């Protein structure tokens, strides 16, 4: 959800190279929230057993795992926080 280069509207949300001129909350569905909550519960309780998940859950969990790893990597390399 990158901000279109030709948009006349100002961004309403931006984070690390991603921006949008629309409220991102409208992109979050109830199904999305269920997947996010399920991901964090499973991680907290001992890991992700992909063999017991649907293809949709596996895809969502892999996206969330990549995002989590990127956030952790960014936090380790952010010199402003490590002062």
PDB file of N, CA and C in Angstrom:
ATOM      1  N   UNK A   1       0.839  -1.159   0.000  1.00  0.00           N
ATOM      2  CA  UNK A   1       0.000   0.000   0.000  1.00  0.00           C
ATOM      3  C   UNK A   1       0.892   1.232   0.000  1.00  0.00           C
ATOM      4  N   UNK A   2       1.588   1.465  -1.067  1.00  0.00           N
ATOM      5  CA  UNK A   2       2.442   2.632  -1.201  1.00  0.00           C
ATOM      6  C   UNK A   2       1.632   3.814  -1.700  1.00  0.00           C
ATOM      7  N   UNK A   3       2.043   4.982  -1.290  1.00  0.00           N
ATOM      8  CA  UNK A   3       1.363   6.200  -1.700  1.00  0.00           C
ATOM      9  C   UNK A   3       1.604   6.444  -3.177  1.00  0.00           C
ATOM     10  N   UNK A   4       0.553   6.617  -3.952  1.00  0.00           N
ATOM     11  CA  UNK A   4       0.737   6.893  -5.375  1.00  0.00           C
ATOM     12  C   UNK A   4       1.520   8.184  -5.575  1.00  0.00           C
ATOM     13  N   UNK A   5       2.439   8.187  -6.530  1.00  0.00           N
ATOM     14  CA  UNK A   5       3.281   9.359  -6.781  1.00  0.00           C
ATOM     15  C   UNK A   5       2.468  10.552  -7.252  1.00  0.00           C
ATOM     16  N   UNK A   6       1.348  10.318  -7.894  1.00  0.00           N
ATOM     17  CA  UNK A   6       0.560  11.404  -8.465  1.00  0.00           C
ATOM     18  C   UNK A   6      -0.579  11.851  -7.551  1.00  0.00           C
ATOM     19  N   UNK A   7      -0.623  11.407  -6.353  1.00  0.00           N
ATOM     20  CA  UNK A   7      -1.715  11.750  -5.442  1.00  0.00           C
ATOM     21  C   UNK A   7      -1.625  13.215  -5.030  1.00  0.00           C
ATOM     22  N   UNK A   8      -2.765  13.900  -5.079  1.00  0.00           N
ATOM     23  CA  UNK A   8      -2.836  15.290  -4.629  1.00  0.00           C
ATOM     24  C   UNK A   8      -3.138  15.368  -3.138  1.00  0.00           C
ATOM     25  N   UNK A   9      -3.521  14.241  -2.554  1.00  0.00           N
ATOM     26  CA  UNK A   9      -3.871  14.226  -1.143  1.00  0.00           C
ATOM     27  C   UNK A   9      -2.630  13.964  -0.301  1.00  0.00           C
ATOM     28  N   UNK A  10      -2.560  14.571   0.867  1.00  0.00           N
ATOM     29  CA  UNK A  10      -1.407  14.316   1.740  1.00  0.00           C
ATOM     30  C   UNK A  10      -1.523  12.933   2.376  1.00  0.00           C
ATOM     31  N   UNK A  11      -0.405  12.342   2.756  1.00  0.00           N
ATOM     32  CA  UNK A  11      -0.465  11.034   3.417  1.00  0.00           C
ATOM     33  C   UNK A  11      -1.127  11.164   4.787  1.00  0.00           C
ATOM     34  N   UNK A  12      -1.901  10.157   5.143  1.00  0.00           N
ATOM     35  CA  UNK A  12      -2.530  10.126   6.468  1.00  0.00           C
ATOM     36  C   UNK A  12      -1.857   9.099   7.370  1.00  0.00           C
ATOM     37  N   UNK A  13      -1.014   8.256   6.785  1.00  0.00           N
ATOM     38  CA  UNK A  13      -0.279   7.258   7.555  1.00  0.00           C
ATOM     39  C   UNK A  13       0.992   6.919   6.792  1.00  0.00           C
ATOM     40  N   UNK A  14       2.099   6.803   7.506  1.00  0.00           N
ATOM     41  CA  UNK A  14       3.367   6.420   6.879  1.00  0.00           C
ATOM     42  C   UNK A  14       4.219   5.688   7.896  1.00  0.00           C
ATOM     43  N   UNK A  15       4.972   4.709   7.404  1.00  0.00           N
ATOM     44  CA  UNK A  15       5.903   3.962   8.255  1.00  0.00           C
ATOM     45  C   UNK A  15       6.929   3.291   7.371  1.00  0.00           C
ATOM     46  N   UNK A  16       8.191   3.610   7.593  1.00  0.00           N
ATOM     47  CA  UNK A  16       9.322   2.947   6.942  1.00  0.00           C
ATOM     48  C   UNK A  16       9.137   2.756   5.441  1.00  0.00           C
ATOM     49  N   UNK A  17       8.968   3.798   4.702  1.00  0.00           N
ATOM     50  CA  UNK A  17       8.892   3.706   3.254  1.00  0.00           C
ATOM     51  C   UNK A  17       7.545   3.311   2.695  1.00  0.00           C
ATOM     52  N   UNK A  18       6.557   3.137   3.543  1.00  0.00           N
ATOM     53  CA  UNK A  18       5.206   2.814   3.091  1.00  0.00           C
ATOM     54  C   UNK A  18       4.294   3.928   3.584  1.00  0.00           C
ATOM     55  N   UNK A  19       3.461   4.429   2.679  1.00  0.00           N
ATOM     56  CA  UNK A  19       2.536   5.494   3.053  1.00  0.00           C
ATOM     57  C   UNK A  19       1.233   5.309   2.296  1.00  0.00           C
ATOM     58  N   UNK A  20       0.173   5.891   2.838  1.00  0.00           N
ATOM     59  CA  UNK A  20      -1.115   5.836   2.178  1.00  0.00           C
ATOM     60  C   UNK A  20      -1.858   7.146   2.409  1.00  0.00           C
ATOM     61  N   UNK A  21      -2.662   7.497   1.437  1.00  0.00           N
ATOM     62  CA  UNK A  21      -3.474   8.704   1.575  1.00  0.00           C
ATOM     63  C   UNK A  21      -4.900   8.353   1.995  1.00  0.00           C
ATOM     64  N   UNK A  22      -5.099   7.108   2.417  1.00  0.00           N
ATOM     65  CA  UNK A  22      -6.379   6.634   2.949  1.00  0.00           C
ATOM     66  C   UNK A  22      -6.133   6.018   4.315  1.00  0.00           C
ATOM     67  N   UNK A  23      -7.141   5.998   5.139  1.00  0.00           N
ATOM     68  CA  UNK A  23      -7.008   5.393   6.458  1.00  0.00           C
ATOM     69  C   UNK A  23      -6.717   3.896   6.311  1.00  0.00           C
ATOM     70  N   UNK A  24      -5.594   3.416   6.848  1.00  0.00           N
ATOM     71  CA  UNK A  24      -5.263   1.993   6.696  1.00  0.00           C
ATOM     72  C   UNK A  24      -6.195   1.081   7.482  1.00  0.00           C
ATOM     73  N   UNK A  25      -6.924   1.628   8.436  1.00  0.00           N
ATOM     74  CA  UNK A  25      -7.825   0.804   9.235  1.00  0.00           C
ATOM     75  C   UNK A  25      -8.883   0.134   8.369  1.00  0.00           C
ATOM     76  N   UNK A  26      -9.251   0.777   7.264  1.00  0.00           N
ATOM     77  CA  UNK A  26     -10.268   0.200   6.388  1.00  0.00           C
ATOM     78  C   UNK A  26      -9.768  -1.059   5.679  1.00  0.00           C
ATOM     79  N   UNK A  27      -8.458  -1.284   5.668  1.00  0.00           N
ATOM     80  CA  UNK A  27      -7.892  -2.474   5.039  1.00  0.00           C
ATOM     81  C   UNK A  27      -7.840  -3.663   5.982  1.00  0.00           C
ATOM     82  N   UNK A  28      -8.099  -3.426   7.257  1.00  0.00           N
ATOM     83  CA  UNK A  28      -8.028  -4.489   8.257  1.00  0.00           C
ATOM     84  C   UNK A  28      -9.426  -5.064   8.459  1.00  0.00           C
ATOM     85  N   UNK A  29      -9.566  -6.336   8.147  1.00  0.00           N
ATOM     86  CA  UNK A  29     -10.862  -6.999   8.297  1.00  0.00           C
ATOM     87  C   UNK A  29     -10.883  -7.801   9.594  1.00  0.00           C
ATOM     88  N   UNK A  30     -12.050  -8.268   9.951  1.00  0.00           N
ATOM     89  CA  UNK A  30     -12.170  -9.133  11.129  1.00  0.00           C
ATOM     90  C   UNK A  30     -11.349 -10.404  10.930  1.00  0.00           C
ATOM     91  N   UNK A  31     -11.348 -10.935   9.707  1.00  0.00           N
ATOM     92  CA  UNK A  31     -10.539 -12.129   9.410  1.00  0.00           C
ATOM     93  C   UNK A  31      -9.055 -11.849   9.606  1.00  0.00           C
ATOM     94  N   UNK A  32      -8.624 -10.652   9.205  1.00  0.00           N
ATOM     95  CA  UNK A  32      -7.217 -10.272   9.378  1.00  0.00           C
ATOM     96  C   UNK A  32      -6.849 -10.261  10.855  1.00  0.00           C
ATOM     97  N   UNK A  33      -7.708  -9.682  11.669  1.00  0.00           N
ATOM     98  CA  UNK A  33      -7.444  -9.610  13.101  1.00  0.00           C
ATOM     99  C   UNK A  33      -7.383 -11.000  13.724  1.00  0.00           C
ATOM    100  N   UNK A  34      -8.248 -11.892  13.285  1.00  0.00           N
ATOM    101  CA  UNK A  34      -8.227 -13.263  13.797  1.00  0.00           C
ATOM    102  C   UNK A  34      -6.892 -13.931  13.471  1.00  0.00           C
ATOM    103  N   UNK A  35      -6.412 -13.753  12.247  1.00  0.00           N
ATOM    104  CA  UNK A  35      -5.136 -14.350  11.844  1.00  0.00           C
ATOM    105  C   UNK A  35      -3.978 -13.772  12.653  1.00  0.00           C
ATOM    106  N   UNK A  36      -3.971 -12.469  12.865  1.00  0.00           N
ATOM    107  CA  UNK A  36      -2.895 -11.838  13.645  1.00  0.00           C
ATOM    108  C   UNK A  36      -2.917 -12.349  15.082  1.00  0.00           C
ATOM    109  N   UNK A  37      -4.081 -12.371  15.691  1.00  0.00           N
ATOM    110  CA  UNK A  37      -4.188 -12.855  17.070  1.00  0.00           C
ATOM    111  C   UNK A  37      -3.796 -14.324  17.178  1.00  0.00           C
ATOM    112  N   UNK A  38      -4.240 -15.138  16.230  1.00  0.00           N
ATOM    113  CA  UNK A  38      -3.893 -16.562  16.230  1.00  0.00           C
ATOM    114  C   UNK A  38      -2.386 -16.753  16.089  1.00  0.00           C
ATOM    115  N   UNK A  39      -1.758 -15.955  15.230  1.00  0.00           N
ATOM    116  CA  UNK A  39      -0.308 -16.022  15.036  1.00  0.00           C
ATOM    117  C   UNK A  39       0.419 -15.765  16.357  1.00  0.00           C
ATOM    118  N   UNK A  40       0.051 -14.680  17.042  1.00  0.00           N
ATOM    119  CA  UNK A  40       0.750 -14.335  18.280  1.00  0.00           C
ATOM    120  C   UNK A  40       0.475 -15.344  19.393  1.00  0.00           C
ATOM    121  N   UNK A  41      -0.724 -15.877  19.454  1.00  0.00           N
ATOM    122  CA  UNK A  41      -1.024 -16.908  20.459  1.00  0.00           C
ATOM    123  C   UNK A  41      -0.185 -18.150  20.193  1.00  0.00           C
ATOM    124  N   UNK A  42      -0.141 -18.594  18.959  1.00  0.00           N
ATOM    125  CA  UNK A  42       0.634 -19.796  18.626  1.00  0.00           C
ATOM    126  C   UNK A  42       2.119 -19.601  18.897  1.00  0.00           C
ATOM    127  N   UNK A  43       2.665 -18.418  18.573  1.00  0.00           N
ATOM    128  CA  UNK A  43       4.071 -18.140  18.851  1.00  0.00           C
ATOM    129  C   UNK A  43       4.325 -18.174  20.353  1.00  0.00           C
ATOM    130  N   UNK A  44       3.416 -17.578  21.101  1.00  0.00           N
ATOM    131  CA  UNK A  44       3.578 -17.497  22.556  1.00  0.00           C
ATOM    132  C   UNK A  44       3.512 -18.882  23.209  1.00  0.00           C
ATOM    133  N   UNK A  45       2.692 -19.761  22.658  1.00  0.00           N
ATOM    134  CA  UNK A  45       2.483 -21.074  23.269  1.00  0.00           C
ATOM    135  C   UNK A  45       3.414 -22.156  22.743  1.00  0.00           C
ATOM    136  N   UNK A  46       4.377 -21.801  21.939  1.00  0.00           N
ATOM    137  CA  UNK A  46       5.351 -22.818  21.590  1.00  0.00           C
ATOM    138  C   UNK A  46       5.620 -23.040  20.126  1.00  0.00           C
ATOM    139  N   UNK A  47       5.271 -22.139  19.295  1.00  0.00           N
ATOM    140  CA  UNK A  47       5.692 -22.278  17.906  1.00  0.00           C
ATOM    141  C   UNK A  47       4.573 -22.498  16.927  1.00  0.00           C
ATOM    142  N   UNK A  48       4.994 -22.559  15.701  1.00  0.00           N
ATOM    143  CA  UNK A  48       4.053 -22.688  14.589  1.00  0.00           C
ATOM    144  C   UNK A  48       4.241 -24.038  13.928  1.00  0.00           C
ATOM    145  N   UNK A  49       3.243 -24.886  14.016  1.00  0.00           N
ATOM    146  CA  UNK A  49       3.273 -26.179  13.341  1.00  0.00           C
ATOM    147  C   UNK A  49       2.493 -26.031  12.034  1.00  0.00           C
ATOM    148  N   UNK A  50       3.227 -25.741  10.956  1.00  0.00           N
ATOM    149  CA  UNK A  50       2.585 -25.451   9.682  1.00  0.00           C
ATOM    150  C   UNK A  50       1.801 -26.625   9.119  1.00  0.00           C
ATOM    151  N   UNK A  51       2.106 -27.837   9.543  1.00  0.00           N
ATOM    152  CA  UNK A  51       1.401 -29.002   9.014  1.00  0.00           C
ATOM    153  C   UNK A  51      -0.067 -29.053   9.443  1.00  0.00           C
ATOM    154  N   UNK A  52      -0.403 -28.317  10.492  1.00  0.00           N
ATOM    155  CA  UNK A  52      -1.784 -28.325  10.979  1.00  0.00           C
ATOM    156  C   UNK A  52      -2.556 -27.066  10.588  1.00  0.00           C
ATOM    157  N   UNK A  53      -1.989 -26.254   9.693  1.00  0.00           N
ATOM    158  CA  UNK A  53      -2.623 -25.000   9.295  1.00  0.00           C
ATOM    159  C   UNK A  53      -3.147 -25.067   7.872  1.00  0.00           C
ATOM    160  N   UNK A  54      -4.133 -24.242   7.582  1.00  0.00           N
ATOM    161  CA  UNK A  54      -4.614 -24.121   6.204  1.00  0.00           C
ATOM    162  C   UNK A  54      -3.583 -23.327   5.395  1.00  0.00           C
ATOM    163  N   UNK A  55      -3.685 -23.401   4.082  1.00  0.00           N
ATOM    164  CA  UNK A  55      -2.766 -22.651   3.218  1.00  0.00           C
ATOM    165  C   UNK A  55      -2.869 -21.148   3.493  1.00  0.00           C
ATOM    166  N   UNK A  56      -4.070 -20.675   3.735  1.00  0.00           N
ATOM    167  CA  UNK A  56      -4.274 -19.249   4.025  1.00  0.00           C
ATOM    168  C   UNK A  56      -3.571 -18.852   5.326  1.00  0.00           C
ATOM    169  N   UNK A  57      -3.681 -19.698   6.346  1.00  0.00           N
ATOM    170  CA  UNK A  57      -3.021 -19.420   7.622  1.00  0.00           C
ATOM    171  C   UNK A  57      -1.509 -19.439   7.463  1.00  0.00           C
ATOM    172  N   UNK A  58      -0.985 -20.411   6.715  1.00  0.00           N
ATOM    173  CA  UNK A  58       0.460 -20.492   6.503  1.00  0.00           C
ATOM    174  C   UNK A  58       0.956 -19.226   5.811  1.00  0.00           C
ATOM    175  N   UNK A  59       0.261 -18.797   4.770  1.00  0.00           N
ATOM    176  CA  UNK A  59       0.668 -17.583   4.064  1.00  0.00           C
ATOM    177  C   UNK A  59       0.643 -16.374   4.998  1.00  0.00           C
ATOM    178  N   UNK A  60      -0.428 -16.222   5.762  1.00  0.00           N
ATOM    179  CA  UNK A  60      -0.535 -15.091   6.688  1.00  0.00           C
ATOM    180  C   UNK A  60       0.560 -15.149   7.749  1.00  0.00           C
ATOM    181  N   UNK A  61       0.818 -16.315   8.297  1.00  0.00           N
ATOM    182  CA  UNK A  61       1.822 -16.448   9.345  1.00  0.00           C
ATOM    183  C   UNK A  61       3.220 -16.175   8.804  1.00  0.00           C
ATOM    184  N   UNK A  62       3.489 -16.579   7.572  1.00  0.00           N
ATOM    185  CA  UNK A  62       4.799 -16.288   6.978  1.00  0.00           C
ATOM    186  C   UNK A  62       4.981 -14.786   6.748  1.00  0.00           C
ATOM    187  N   UNK A  63       3.935 -14.119   6.307  1.00  0.00           N
ATOM    188  CA  UNK A  63       3.992 -12.659   6.138  1.00  0.00           C
ATOM    189  C   UNK A  63       4.249 -11.992   7.488  1.00  0.00           C
ATOM    190  N   UNK A  64       3.527 -12.421   8.510  1.00  0.00           N
ATOM    191  CA  UNK A  64       3.700 -11.848   9.844  1.00  0.00           C
ATOM    192  C   UNK A  64       5.085 -12.158  10.409  1.00  0.00           C
ATOM    193  N   UNK A  65       5.575 -13.353  10.165  1.00  0.00           N
ATOM    194  CA  UNK A  65       6.914 -13.724  10.649  1.00  0.00           C
ATOM    195  C   UNK A  65       7.989 -12.872   9.984  1.00  0.00           C
ATOM    196  N   UNK A  66       7.871 -12.650   8.676  1.00  0.00           N
ATOM    197  CA  UNK A  66       8.829 -11.786   7.964  1.00  0.00           C
ATOM    198  C   UNK A  66       8.774 -10.357   8.493  1.00  0.00           C
ATOM    199  N   UNK A  67       7.572  -9.846   8.726  1.00  0.00           N
ATOM    200  CA  UNK A  67       7.422  -8.478   9.242  1.00  0.00           C
ATOM    201  C   UNK A  67       8.009  -8.366  10.645  1.00  0.00           C
ATOM    202  N   UNK A  68       7.782  -9.377  11.462  1.00  0.00           N
ATOM    203  CA  UNK A  68       8.328  -9.386  12.816  1.00  0.00           C
ATOM    204  C   UNK A  68       9.848  -9.412  12.799  1.00  0.00           C
ATOM    205  N   UNK A  69      10.420 -10.242  11.938  1.00  0.00           N
ATOM    206  CA  UNK A  69      11.880 -10.327  11.820  1.00  0.00           C
ATOM    207  C   UNK A  69      12.467  -9.009  11.310  1.00  0.00           C
ATOM    208  N   UNK A  70      11.801  -8.372  10.358  1.00  0.00           N
ATOM    209  CA  UNK A  70      12.283  -7.093   9.829  1.00  0.00           C
ATOM    210  C   UNK A  70      12.250  -6.016  10.915  1.00  0.00           C
ATOM    211  N   UNK A  71      11.188  -6.006  11.714  1.00  0.00           N
ATOM    212  CA  UNK A  71      11.092  -5.036  12.809  1.00  0.00           C
ATOM    213  C   UNK A  71      12.212  -5.257  13.815  1.00  0.00           C
ATOM    214  N   UNK A  72      12.467  -6.507  14.156  1.00  0.00           N
ATOM    215  CA  UNK A  72      13.535  -6.802  15.114  1.00  0.00           C
ATOM    216  C   UNK A  72      14.886  -6.389  14.541  1.00  0.00           C
ATOM    217  N   UNK A  73      15.107  -6.660  13.258  1.00  0.00           N
ATOM    218  CA  UNK A  73      16.356  -6.288  12.602  1.00  0.00           C
ATOM    219  C   UNK A  73      16.512  -4.774  12.567  1.00  0.00           C
ATOM    220  N   UNK A  74      15.449  -4.056  12.261  1.00  0.00           N
ATOM    221  CA  UNK A  74      15.489  -2.594  12.238  1.00  0.00           C
ATOM    222  C   UNK A  74      15.781  -2.031  13.617  1.00  0.00           C
ATOM    223  N   UNK A  75      15.192  -2.622  14.638  1.00  0.00           N
ATOM    224  CA  UNK A  75      15.426  -2.157  16.012  1.00  0.00           C
ATOM    225  C   UNK A  75      16.891  -2.329  16.401  1.00  0.00           C
ATOM    226  N   UNK A  76      17.528  -3.406  15.959  1.00  0.00           N
ATOM    227  CA  UNK A  76      18.927  -3.654  16.290  1.00  0.00           C
ATOM    228  C   UNK A  76      19.857  -2.692  15.557  1.00  0.00           C
ATOM    229  N   UNK A  77      19.431  -2.199  14.402  1.00  0.00           N
ATOM    230  CA  UNK A  77      20.282  -1.316  13.605  1.00  0.00           C
ATOM    231  C   UNK A  77      19.925   0.159  13.743  1.00  0.00           C
ATOM    232  N   UNK A  78      18.935   0.479  14.537  1.00  0.00           N
ATOM    233  CA  UNK A  78      18.528   1.870  14.727  1.00  0.00           C
ATOM    234  C   UNK A  78      19.420   2.516  15.761  1.00  0.00           C
ATOM    235  N   UNK A  79      20.369   3.314  15.318  1.00  0.00           N
ATOM    236  CA  UNK A  79      21.349   3.902  16.231  1.00  0.00           C
ATOM    237  C   UNK A  79      20.731   4.939  17.162  1.00  0.00           C
ATOM    238  N   UNK A  80      19.607   5.511  16.776  1.00  0.00           N
ATOM    239  CA  UNK A  80      18.951   6.493  17.649  1.00  0.00           C
ATOM    240  C   UNK A  80      18.460   5.823  18.923  1.00  0.00           C
ATOM    241  N   UNK A  81      18.055   4.573  18.853  1.00  0.00           N
ATOM    242  CA  UNK A  81      17.550   3.877  20.044  1.00  0.00           C
ATOM    243  C   UNK A  81      18.666   3.289  20.887  1.00  0.00           C
ATOM    244  N   UNK A  82      19.835   3.081  20.289  1.00  0.00           N
ATOM    245  CA  UNK A  82      20.930   2.407  20.995  1.00  0.00           C
ATOM    246  C   UNK A  82      21.889   3.384  21.654  1.00  0.00           C
ATOM    247  N   UNK A  83      21.477   4.594  21.895  1.00  0.00           N
ATOM    248  CA  UNK A  83      22.369   5.574  22.534  1.00  0.00           C
ATOM    249  C   UNK A  83      22.274   5.505  24.031  1.00  0.00           C
TER     250      UNK A  83
END
